[in-house]
Amino acid sequence: MHHPHVQEADAGLEDLRDALAAHGITLPSLGLELPSFAASYATPLIALGNCNLETAQALAAALRKGEAG
């Protein structure tokens, strides 16, 4: 069965991946949450996954910089 919003979710995932990369951040487990394809969510969920401390600190710094700008 093909989820009707898979292309939309894929595009959102790639947009997030690109935005993170622009700040030098890679979330290795970033991807679509496969169980959400079987659930009743309007669009599939994006799983941010796990990251190490350095990546978490870089992500927090990028978010803080965005708040200030």
C-alpha atoms as a PDB file:
ATOM      1  CA  MET A   1       0.000   0.000   0.000  1.00  0.00           C
ATOM      2  CA  HIS A   2       1.329   3.424  -0.954  1.00  0.00           C
ATOM      3  CA  HIS A   3       0.894   6.193   1.630  1.00  0.00           C
ATOM      4  CA  PRO A   4      -0.649   9.273  -0.037  1.00  0.00           C
ATOM      5  CA  HIS A   5       1.785  11.712   1.618  1.00  0.00           C
ATOM      6  CA  VAL A   6       5.089   9.872   1.141  1.00  0.00           C
ATOM      7  CA  GLN A   7       6.457  12.387  -1.391  1.00  0.00           C
ATOM      8  CA  GLU A   8       5.544  15.295   0.892  1.00  0.00           C
ATOM      9  CA  ALA A   9       7.248  13.611   3.848  1.00  0.00           C
ATOM     10  CA  ASP A  10      10.302  12.785   1.733  1.00  0.00           C
ATOM     11  CA  ALA A  11      10.570  16.414   0.603  1.00  0.00           C
ATOM     12  CA  GLY A  12      10.295  17.633   4.204  1.00  0.00           C
ATOM     13  CA  LEU A  13      12.966  15.170   5.263  1.00  0.00           C
ATOM     14  CA  GLU A  14      15.358  16.352   2.548  1.00  0.00           C
ATOM     15  CA  ASP A  15      14.631  20.002   3.385  1.00  0.00           C
ATOM     16  CA  LEU A  16      15.513  19.346   7.028  1.00  0.00           C
ATOM     17  CA  ARG A  17      18.626  17.365   6.071  1.00  0.00           C
ATOM     18  CA  ASP A  18      19.785  20.252   3.820  1.00  0.00           C
ATOM     19  CA  ALA A  19      19.090  22.886   6.501  1.00  0.00           C
ATOM     20  CA  LEU A  20      21.046  20.899   9.071  1.00  0.00           C
ATOM     21  CA  ALA A  21      23.914  20.392   6.609  1.00  0.00           C
ATOM     22  CA  ALA A  22      24.061  24.164   6.035  1.00  0.00           C
ATOM     23  CA  HIS A  23      25.022  24.401   9.718  1.00  0.00           C
ATOM     24  CA  GLY A  24      27.456  21.491   9.512  1.00  0.00           C
ATOM     25  CA  ILE A  25      25.061  19.179  11.361  1.00  0.00           C
ATOM     26  CA  THR A  26      24.376  15.572  10.418  1.00  0.00           C
ATOM     27  CA  LEU A  27      21.813  13.449  12.249  1.00  0.00           C
ATOM     28  CA  PRO A  28      22.864   9.916  11.263  1.00  0.00           C
ATOM     29  CA  SER A  29      19.505   8.335  12.083  1.00  0.00           C
ATOM     30  CA  LEU A  30      17.374  11.004  10.375  1.00  0.00           C
ATOM     31  CA  GLY A  31      14.682   9.307   8.317  1.00  0.00           C
ATOM     32  CA  LEU A  32      11.025   8.527   7.913  1.00  0.00           C
ATOM     33  CA  GLU A  33       9.406   6.738  10.864  1.00  0.00           C
ATOM     34  CA  LEU A  34       8.282   3.592   9.088  1.00  0.00           C
ATOM     35  CA  PRO A  35       5.618   2.539  11.656  1.00  0.00           C
ATOM     36  CA  SER A  36       3.826   5.847  11.033  1.00  0.00           C
ATOM     37  CA  PHE A  37       2.986   4.604   7.529  1.00  0.00           C
ATOM     38  CA  ALA A  38       0.675   2.058   9.157  1.00  0.00           C
ATOM     39  CA  ALA A  39      -0.869   4.546  11.585  1.00  0.00           C
ATOM     40  CA  SER A  40      -3.586   7.116  11.092  1.00  0.00           C
ATOM     41  CA  TYR A  41      -1.283  10.166  10.966  1.00  0.00           C
ATOM     42  CA  ALA A  42      -2.093  12.613   8.173  1.00  0.00           C
ATOM     43  CA  THR A  43       1.520  12.462   7.008  1.00  0.00           C
ATOM     44  CA  PRO A  44       4.299  10.060   7.967  1.00  0.00           C
ATOM     45  CA  LEU A  45       6.437  11.132  10.912  1.00  0.00           C
ATOM     46  CA  ILE A  46      10.080  12.122  10.536  1.00  0.00           C
ATOM     47  CA  ALA A  47      12.367  10.428  13.055  1.00  0.00           C
ATOM     48  CA  LEU A  48      15.227  12.629  14.207  1.00  0.00           C
ATOM     49  CA  GLY A  49      16.998   9.669  15.789  1.00  0.00           C
ATOM     50  CA  ASN A  50      20.027   9.704  18.040  1.00  0.00           C
ATOM     51  CA  CYS A  51      23.127  11.875  17.941  1.00  0.00           C
ATOM     52  CA  ASN A  52      26.296  12.338  19.937  1.00  0.00           C
ATOM     53  CA  LEU A  53      26.930  15.182  22.379  1.00  0.00           C
ATOM     54  CA  GLU A  54      28.884  17.262  19.850  1.00  0.00           C
ATOM     55  CA  THR A  55      26.010  17.104  17.362  1.00  0.00           C
ATOM     56  CA  ALA A  56      23.443  17.948  20.057  1.00  0.00           C
ATOM     57  CA  GLN A  57      25.485  20.991  21.068  1.00  0.00           C
ATOM     58  CA  ALA A  58      25.846  22.116  17.434  1.00  0.00           C
ATOM     59  CA  LEU A  59      22.098  21.740  16.915  1.00  0.00           C
ATOM     60  CA  ALA A  60      21.330  23.727  20.077  1.00  0.00           C
ATOM     61  CA  ALA A  61      23.757  26.476  18.999  1.00  0.00           C
ATOM     62  CA  ALA A  62      22.160  26.689  15.536  1.00  0.00           C
ATOM     63  CA  LEU A  63      18.703  26.977  17.078  1.00  0.00           C
ATOM     64  CA  ARG A  64      19.854  29.673  19.491  1.00  0.00           C
ATOM     65  CA  LYS A  65      21.482  31.581  16.624  1.00  0.00           C
ATOM     66  CA  GLY A  66      18.186  31.374  14.723  1.00  0.00           C
ATOM     67  CA  GLU A  67      16.303  32.776  17.738  1.00  0.00           C
ATOM     68  CA  ALA A  68      18.640  35.758  17.938  1.00  0.00           C
ATOM     69  CA  GLY A  69      18.507  36.477  14.193  1.00  0.00           C
END
